[in-house]
Each structure stands twice: as structure tokens, then as C-alpha cells.
Amino acid sequence: NASSRHLQVQTGTKGMDFLAELWMPILVSAVAVFLVSSFFHVVLPFHWNDHAMLPGEDHLLESIRGQQVPPGEYVFPRPGSMKEMGEPAMVEKYTRGPVGFLTIVPSGPPTMGKNLVQWFGYSLLVSVFAAYVAAFTKTESSAMVFRLTSTIAVIGYAFTHIYNSIWKAQNWGTTARFLLDGVIYGLVTGAVFGWMWPGG
């Protein structure tokens, strides 16, 4: 019955046992987040202006292409050490600018398949951690389960974007939009767990 199923969740938190009881809300919450995020990024114009176009894009691309820059993350100007960062020549480079970060990805037509698979995998991971934490609760209250799982999911989906504004100069307005996304994804996750929680 529902009470015995709930007891199994509470006593089955050793190792990966909780997955056997909570695999369904984990999967459903990840699917729900995937669908909501797809709606936000494909249908709504919410994120269309997250990235601006560089002036003289064609000229800049040709210059980078001529350098045969391999895929990776770059910072410019790039000192060779912390000591060099404070030397007059390097300070002059920083002063003159530009200063920034550059991410180069493999060339080719835009494809989203791999990214979408990885995003769904990330959503599953967030839901697994939410389930792991919630499995320790002694309550059968759907409201309490919602609070626990949504809090964990908000941390997983939203707070990671703050790093980009602190260290990589991402516009705080862009970060705020991703934070709002993350809060909504977290609430969706919590709602699914509260609805499907055994004994709830």
C-alpha cells in the first residue's frame, strides 16, 4: 500500500536504493523541465538577445580563421603568470583593450542534437540529487516534498549562472533571465515530485 511504499523510500536511502522507488518522478520531472525549457528558448523571444553581434563580424572571423584557432576557451590578453599580470607591458594591454573571453567550438552547421541530449542528462542529474535529498524526509506531506525538491532543483538550475557574471563578465540582465528560468525549472521539478511522491 501507499504507507509501505513510503516506508521503503525512507529506509532505502543507502547507496542507490532510492532510485528504485523514485525513478518515475525523476524521469517525469526531467522530461517536464526539458519541455518547459524548449518552450522558453524556441517559442518565446525571452533569450533572443542574450548575445550581441560583434561589429565587423566578417573581418574578425576571417582574422581568427587565418590563425587556425582550435576549439577551446581563451582569455585575452593572456599573461603567462600572476607576476606578469602586474608588469607595465601587460597593464598597458589591459588598459588599451579589448579585454575578454572567447569560446571556439568545432566548425560546421549548427546542430542541437548533442546539446539537447546533454541538457536532458543534466536535468536527470538534478532530479536524482533532488530525489536523494527528499528520500531522507520522514513526512508524507506533498507540500514538504515540493519544498525540498524544488529548493535543490533551483540551486542546480539557477545558481550556476551567477558564476558567469562574477568571473566571465556576462551581463547581469542575461544572468537574471537564466535565474528566472532556473527558478521555474525548480518549481516544475518540485511540483512533479510532490504530485508523484509515494504515500503523498
C-alpha atoms as a PDB file:
ATOM      1  CA  ASN A   1       0.000   0.000   0.000  1.00  0.00           C
ATOM      2  CA  ALA A   2       0.973   3.664  -0.057  1.00  0.00           C
ATOM      3  CA  SER A   3       2.305   3.685   3.513  1.00  0.00           C
ATOM      4  CA  SER A   4       4.573   0.699   2.933  1.00  0.00           C
ATOM      5  CA  ARG A   5       5.851   2.240  -0.290  1.00  0.00           C
ATOM      6  CA  HIS A   6       6.627   5.439   1.605  1.00  0.00           C
ATOM      7  CA  LEU A   7       8.476   3.433   4.285  1.00  0.00           C
ATOM      8  CA  GLN A   8      10.609   1.825   1.586  1.00  0.00           C
ATOM      9  CA  VAL A   9      11.623   5.261   0.356  1.00  0.00           C
ATOM     10  CA  GLN A  10      12.594   6.334   3.864  1.00  0.00           C
ATOM     11  CA  THR A  11      14.607   3.208   4.716  1.00  0.00           C
ATOM     12  CA  GLY A  12      16.046   2.649   1.259  1.00  0.00           C
ATOM     13  CA  THR A  13      18.407   5.594   1.091  1.00  0.00           C
ATOM     14  CA  LYS A  14      21.578   3.516   1.326  1.00  0.00           C
ATOM     15  CA  GLY A  15      23.595   3.525  -1.847  1.00  0.00           C
ATOM     16  CA  MET A  16      21.393   3.893  -4.892  1.00  0.00           C
ATOM     17  CA  ASP A  17      18.313   2.166  -3.430  1.00  0.00           C
ATOM     18  CA  PHE A  18      16.253   5.347  -3.573  1.00  0.00           C
ATOM     19  CA  LEU A  19      16.378   5.207  -7.375  1.00  0.00           C
ATOM     20  CA  ALA A  20      14.240   2.065  -7.367  1.00  0.00           C
ATOM     21  CA  GLU A  21      11.404   3.899  -5.614  1.00  0.00           C
ATOM     22  CA  LEU A  22      11.747   7.340  -7.161  1.00  0.00           C
ATOM     23  CA  TRP A  23      12.793   6.643 -10.740  1.00  0.00           C
ATOM     24  CA  MET A  24       9.386   7.695 -12.082  1.00  0.00           C
ATOM     25  CA  PRO A  25       9.280  11.249 -10.608  1.00  0.00           C
ATOM     26  CA  ILE A  26      12.970  11.626 -11.524  1.00  0.00           C
ATOM     27  CA  LEU A  27      12.230  10.794 -15.154  1.00  0.00           C
ATOM     28  CA  VAL A  28       8.969  12.734 -15.386  1.00  0.00           C
ATOM     29  CA  SER A  29      10.439  15.871 -13.777  1.00  0.00           C
ATOM     30  CA  ALA A  30      13.401  15.798 -16.186  1.00  0.00           C
ATOM     31  CA  VAL A  31      11.038  15.455 -19.158  1.00  0.00           C
ATOM     32  CA  ALA A  32       8.868  18.286 -17.824  1.00  0.00           C
ATOM     33  CA  VAL A  33      11.866  20.602 -17.451  1.00  0.00           C
ATOM     34  CA  PHE A  34      13.067  19.643 -20.922  1.00  0.00           C
ATOM     35  CA  LEU A  35       9.696  20.585 -22.440  1.00  0.00           C
ATOM     36  CA  VAL A  36       9.382  23.845 -20.490  1.00  0.00           C
ATOM     37  CA  SER A  37      12.942  24.897 -21.373  1.00  0.00           C
ATOM     38  CA  SER A  38      12.331  24.089 -25.041  1.00  0.00           C
ATOM     39  CA  PHE A  39       9.258  26.309 -24.987  1.00  0.00           C
ATOM     40  CA  PHE A  40      11.199  29.154 -23.362  1.00  0.00           C
ATOM     41  CA  HIS A  41      14.092  29.016 -25.824  1.00  0.00           C
ATOM     42  CA  VAL A  42      12.293  28.105 -29.062  1.00  0.00           C
ATOM     43  CA  VAL A  43       8.861  29.731 -28.851  1.00  0.00           C
ATOM     44  CA  LEU A  44       9.312  32.757 -26.580  1.00  0.00           C
ATOM     45  CA  PRO A  45      11.646  35.647 -27.542  1.00  0.00           C
ATOM     46  CA  PHE A  46      12.919  35.747 -23.958  1.00  0.00           C
ATOM     47  CA  HIS A  47      16.541  34.807 -24.750  1.00  0.00           C
ATOM     48  CA  TRP A  48      16.911  36.030 -28.326  1.00  0.00           C
ATOM     49  CA  ASN A  49      19.082  38.984 -27.318  1.00  0.00           C
ATOM     50  CA  ASP A  50      21.297  37.248 -24.745  1.00  0.00           C
ATOM     51  CA  HIS A  51      24.270  37.640 -27.102  1.00  0.00           C
ATOM     52  CA  ALA A  52      25.069  40.709 -29.183  1.00  0.00           C
ATOM     53  CA  MET A  53      26.660  40.690 -32.638  1.00  0.00           C
ATOM     54  CA  LEU A  54      30.239  41.892 -32.868  1.00  0.00           C
ATOM     55  CA  PRO A  55      30.888  44.938 -35.055  1.00  0.00           C
ATOM     56  CA  GLY A  56      32.845  43.936 -38.137  1.00  0.00           C
ATOM     57  CA  GLU A  57      31.986  40.280 -37.612  1.00  0.00           C
ATOM     58  CA  ASP A  58      33.111  39.126 -41.064  1.00  0.00           C
ATOM     59  CA  HIS A  59      36.524  40.772 -40.726  1.00  0.00           C
ATOM     60  CA  LEU A  60      37.025  39.363 -37.232  1.00  0.00           C
ATOM     61  CA  LEU A  61      36.021  35.852 -38.282  1.00  0.00           C
ATOM     62  CA  GLU A  62      38.422  35.969 -41.197  1.00  0.00           C
ATOM     63  CA  SER A  63      41.230  37.019 -38.859  1.00  0.00           C
ATOM     64  CA  ILE A  64      40.540  34.181 -36.414  1.00  0.00           C
ATOM     65  CA  ARG A  65      40.194  31.727 -39.270  1.00  0.00           C
ATOM     66  CA  GLY A  66      43.621  32.757 -40.541  1.00  0.00           C
ATOM     67  CA  GLN A  67      45.140  31.950 -37.138  1.00  0.00           C
ATOM     68  CA  GLN A  68      43.640  28.419 -37.213  1.00  0.00           C
ATOM     69  CA  VAL A  69      42.478  28.733 -33.608  1.00  0.00           C
ATOM     70  CA  PRO A  70      41.440  25.281 -32.332  1.00  0.00           C
ATOM     71  CA  PRO A  71      38.251  24.776 -30.292  1.00  0.00           C
ATOM     72  CA  GLY A  72      38.662  25.797 -26.668  1.00  0.00           C
ATOM     73  CA  GLU A  73      38.280  28.639 -24.185  1.00  0.00           C
ATOM     74  CA  TYR A  74      40.550  31.658 -24.380  1.00  0.00           C
ATOM     75  CA  VAL A  75      41.124  34.848 -22.407  1.00  0.00           C
ATOM     76  CA  PHE A  76      42.757  37.983 -23.794  1.00  0.00           C
ATOM     77  CA  PRO A  77      45.163  39.468 -23.089  1.00  0.00           C
ATOM     78  CA  ARG A  78      46.683  36.361 -21.503  1.00  0.00           C
ATOM     79  CA  PRO A  79      49.588  36.864 -19.079  1.00  0.00           C
ATOM     80  CA  GLY A  80      51.987  33.975 -18.585  1.00  0.00           C
ATOM     81  CA  SER A  81      51.847  34.246 -14.790  1.00  0.00           C
ATOM     82  CA  MET A  82      50.373  36.276 -11.935  1.00  0.00           C
ATOM     83  CA  LYS A  83      53.617  38.225 -11.781  1.00  0.00           C
ATOM     84  CA  GLU A  84      53.423  39.145 -15.453  1.00  0.00           C
ATOM     85  CA  MET A  85      49.853  40.371 -14.954  1.00  0.00           C
ATOM     86  CA  GLY A  86      51.216  43.343 -12.992  1.00  0.00           C
ATOM     87  CA  GLU A  87      54.075  44.235 -15.326  1.00  0.00           C
ATOM     88  CA  PRO A  88      53.809  47.560 -17.224  1.00  0.00           C
ATOM     89  CA  ALA A  89      53.587  45.985 -20.685  1.00  0.00           C
ATOM     90  CA  MET A  90      50.690  43.756 -19.644  1.00  0.00           C
ATOM     91  CA  VAL A  91      48.949  46.571 -17.784  1.00  0.00           C
ATOM     92  CA  GLU A  92      49.179  48.611 -20.981  1.00  0.00           C
ATOM     93  CA  LYS A  93      47.496  45.797 -22.909  1.00  0.00           C
ATOM     94  CA  TYR A  94      44.669  45.702 -20.362  1.00  0.00           C
ATOM     95  CA  THR A  95      44.342  49.483 -20.492  1.00  0.00           C
ATOM     96  CA  ARG A  96      44.235  49.670 -24.289  1.00  0.00           C
ATOM     97  CA  GLY A  97      41.846  46.703 -24.583  1.00  0.00           C
ATOM     98  CA  PRO A  98      39.960  44.868 -25.721  1.00  0.00           C
ATOM     99  CA  VAL A  99      39.736  42.525 -22.730  1.00  0.00           C
ATOM    100  CA  GLY A 100      37.537  39.494 -22.804  1.00  0.00           C
ATOM    101  CA  PHE A 101      36.859  35.805 -23.129  1.00  0.00           C
ATOM    102  CA  LEU A 102      36.486  33.749 -26.288  1.00  0.00           C
ATOM    103  CA  THR A 103      34.969  30.310 -26.754  1.00  0.00           C
ATOM    104  CA  ILE A 104      35.655  28.491 -30.021  1.00  0.00           C
ATOM    105  CA  VAL A 105      33.540  25.451 -30.884  1.00  0.00           C
ATOM    106  CA  PRO A 106      34.076  22.996 -33.749  1.00  0.00           C
ATOM    107  CA  SER A 107      33.144  24.414 -37.158  1.00  0.00           C
ATOM    108  CA  GLY A 108      30.087  23.192 -39.007  1.00  0.00           C
ATOM    109  CA  PRO A 109      26.357  23.895 -39.429  1.00  0.00           C
ATOM    110  CA  PRO A 110      24.543  24.476 -36.103  1.00  0.00           C
ATOM    111  CA  THR A 111      23.212  21.223 -34.677  1.00  0.00           C
ATOM    112  CA  MET A 112      21.355  20.903 -31.389  1.00  0.00           C
ATOM    113  CA  GLY A 113      21.052  17.129 -31.053  1.00  0.00           C
ATOM    114  CA  LYS A 114      24.119  16.583 -28.857  1.00  0.00           C
ATOM    115  CA  ASN A 115      23.370  19.658 -26.745  1.00  0.00           C
ATOM    116  CA  LEU A 116      19.772  18.578 -26.166  1.00  0.00           C
ATOM    117  CA  VAL A 117      20.852  15.089 -25.100  1.00  0.00           C
ATOM    118  CA  GLN A 118      23.373  16.570 -22.672  1.00  0.00           C
ATOM    119  CA  TRP A 119      20.786  19.028 -21.336  1.00  0.00           C
ATOM    120  CA  PHE A 120      18.319  16.203 -20.693  1.00  0.00           C
ATOM    121  CA  GLY A 121      21.091  14.257 -18.949  1.00  0.00           C
ATOM    122  CA  TYR A 122      21.797  17.282 -16.765  1.00  0.00           C
ATOM    123  CA  SER A 123      18.100  17.567 -15.912  1.00  0.00           C
ATOM    124  CA  LEU A 124      18.090  13.910 -14.898  1.00  0.00           C
ATOM    125  CA  LEU A 125      21.120  14.535 -12.681  1.00  0.00           C
ATOM    126  CA  VAL A 126      19.433  17.477 -10.934  1.00  0.00           C
ATOM    127  CA  SER A 127      16.329  15.358 -10.339  1.00  0.00           C
ATOM    128  CA  VAL A 128      18.433  12.486  -8.979  1.00  0.00           C
ATOM    129  CA  PHE A 129      20.022  14.785  -6.385  1.00  0.00           C
ATOM    130  CA  ALA A 130      16.621  16.249  -5.512  1.00  0.00           C
ATOM    131  CA  ALA A 131      15.273  12.723  -5.029  1.00  0.00           C
ATOM    132  CA  TYR A 132      18.295  11.723  -2.929  1.00  0.00           C
ATOM    133  CA  VAL A 133      17.760  14.623  -0.521  1.00  0.00           C
ATOM    134  CA  ALA A 134      13.993  14.168  -0.371  1.00  0.00           C
ATOM    135  CA  ALA A 135      14.380  10.448   0.345  1.00  0.00           C
ATOM    136  CA  PHE A 136      15.622  11.328   3.852  1.00  0.00           C
ATOM    137  CA  THR A 137      12.400  13.104   4.824  1.00  0.00           C
ATOM    138  CA  LYS A 138      10.067  11.493   7.345  1.00  0.00           C
ATOM    139  CA  THR A 139       6.960  13.218   6.036  1.00  0.00           C
ATOM    140  CA  GLU A 140       4.311  12.062   3.621  1.00  0.00           C
ATOM    141  CA  SER A 141       3.325  15.682   3.007  1.00  0.00           C
ATOM    142  CA  SER A 142       3.381  16.565  -0.668  1.00  0.00           C
ATOM    143  CA  ALA A 143       3.936  20.200   0.300  1.00  0.00           C
ATOM    144  CA  MET A 144       7.118  19.347   2.227  1.00  0.00           C
ATOM    145  CA  VAL A 145       8.403  17.170  -0.605  1.00  0.00           C
ATOM    146  CA  PHE A 146       7.718  20.040  -3.004  1.00  0.00           C
ATOM    147  CA  ARG A 147       9.705  22.456  -0.825  1.00  0.00           C
ATOM    148  CA  LEU A 148      12.700  20.136  -0.548  1.00  0.00           C
ATOM    149  CA  THR A 149      12.951  19.037  -4.158  1.00  0.00           C
ATOM    150  CA  SER A 150      12.211  22.450  -5.658  1.00  0.00           C
ATOM    151  CA  THR A 151      14.890  24.055  -3.469  1.00  0.00           C
ATOM    152  CA  ILE A 152      17.530  21.545  -4.569  1.00  0.00           C
ATOM    153  CA  ALA A 153      16.473  21.894  -8.205  1.00  0.00           C
ATOM    154  CA  VAL A 154      16.558  25.713  -8.114  1.00  0.00           C
ATOM    155  CA  ILE A 155      20.119  25.547  -6.805  1.00  0.00           C
ATOM    156  CA  GLY A 156      21.054  23.162  -9.618  1.00  0.00           C
ATOM    157  CA  TYR A 157      19.376  25.090 -12.420  1.00  0.00           C
ATOM    158  CA  ALA A 158      19.674  28.743 -11.367  1.00  0.00           C
ATOM    159  CA  PHE A 159      22.670  29.470  -9.175  1.00  0.00           C
ATOM    160  CA  THR A 160      25.262  28.131 -11.627  1.00  0.00           C
ATOM    161  CA  HIS A 161      24.681  31.133 -13.897  1.00  0.00           C
ATOM    162  CA  ILE A 162      25.810  33.647 -11.263  1.00  0.00           C
ATOM    163  CA  TYR A 163      29.381  32.420 -11.756  1.00  0.00           C
ATOM    164  CA  ASN A 164      29.404  33.735 -15.338  1.00  0.00           C
ATOM    165  CA  SER A 165      28.586  37.283 -14.269  1.00  0.00           C
ATOM    166  CA  ILE A 166      31.122  37.242 -11.436  1.00  0.00           C
ATOM    167  CA  TRP A 167      34.080  35.834 -13.360  1.00  0.00           C
ATOM    168  CA  LYS A 168      33.276  35.998 -17.077  1.00  0.00           C
ATOM    169  CA  ALA A 169      31.615  39.411 -17.379  1.00  0.00           C
ATOM    170  CA  GLN A 170      28.267  38.043 -18.514  1.00  0.00           C
ATOM    171  CA  ASN A 171      25.672  40.795 -18.433  1.00  0.00           C
ATOM    172  CA  TRP A 172      23.706  40.647 -15.183  1.00  0.00           C
ATOM    173  CA  GLY A 173      20.483  41.117 -17.146  1.00  0.00           C
ATOM    174  CA  THR A 174      21.214  37.906 -19.056  1.00  0.00           C
ATOM    175  CA  THR A 175      22.052  36.145 -15.808  1.00  0.00           C
ATOM    176  CA  ALA A 176      18.775  37.371 -14.287  1.00  0.00           C
ATOM    177  CA  ARG A 177      16.843  35.805 -17.160  1.00  0.00           C
ATOM    178  CA  PHE A 178      18.629  32.488 -16.664  1.00  0.00           C
ATOM    179  CA  LEU A 179      17.968  32.734 -12.932  1.00  0.00           C
ATOM    180  CA  LEU A 180      14.266  33.127 -13.646  1.00  0.00           C
ATOM    181  CA  ASP A 181      14.441  30.094 -15.928  1.00  0.00           C
ATOM    182  CA  GLY A 182      16.140  28.126 -13.166  1.00  0.00           C
ATOM    183  CA  VAL A 183      13.544  29.066 -10.565  1.00  0.00           C
ATOM    184  CA  ILE A 184      10.745  27.945 -12.895  1.00  0.00           C
ATOM    185  CA  TYR A 185      12.540  24.674 -13.692  1.00  0.00           C
ATOM    186  CA  GLY A 186      12.997  24.099  -9.974  1.00  0.00           C
ATOM    187  CA  LEU A 187       9.314  24.706  -9.248  1.00  0.00           C
ATOM    188  CA  VAL A 188       8.341  22.341 -12.075  1.00  0.00           C
ATOM    189  CA  THR A 189      10.632  19.672 -10.605  1.00  0.00           C
ATOM    190  CA  GLY A 190       9.195  20.151  -7.130  1.00  0.00           C
ATOM    191  CA  ALA A 191       5.629  20.028  -8.429  1.00  0.00           C
ATOM    192  CA  VAL A 192       6.259  16.682 -10.142  1.00  0.00           C
ATOM    193  CA  PHE A 193       7.867  15.179  -7.035  1.00  0.00           C
ATOM    194  CA  GLY A 194       5.073  16.466  -4.798  1.00  0.00           C
ATOM    195  CA  TRP A 195       2.477  15.005  -7.146  1.00  0.00           C
ATOM    196  CA  MET A 196       4.166  11.608  -7.606  1.00  0.00           C
ATOM    197  CA  TRP A 197       5.690  11.120  -4.162  1.00  0.00           C
ATOM    198  CA  PRO A 198       4.887   7.644  -2.751  1.00  0.00           C
ATOM    199  CA  GLY A 199       2.331   7.938   0.035  1.00  0.00           C
ATOM    200  CA  GLY A 200       1.700  11.608  -0.682  1.00  0.00           C
END
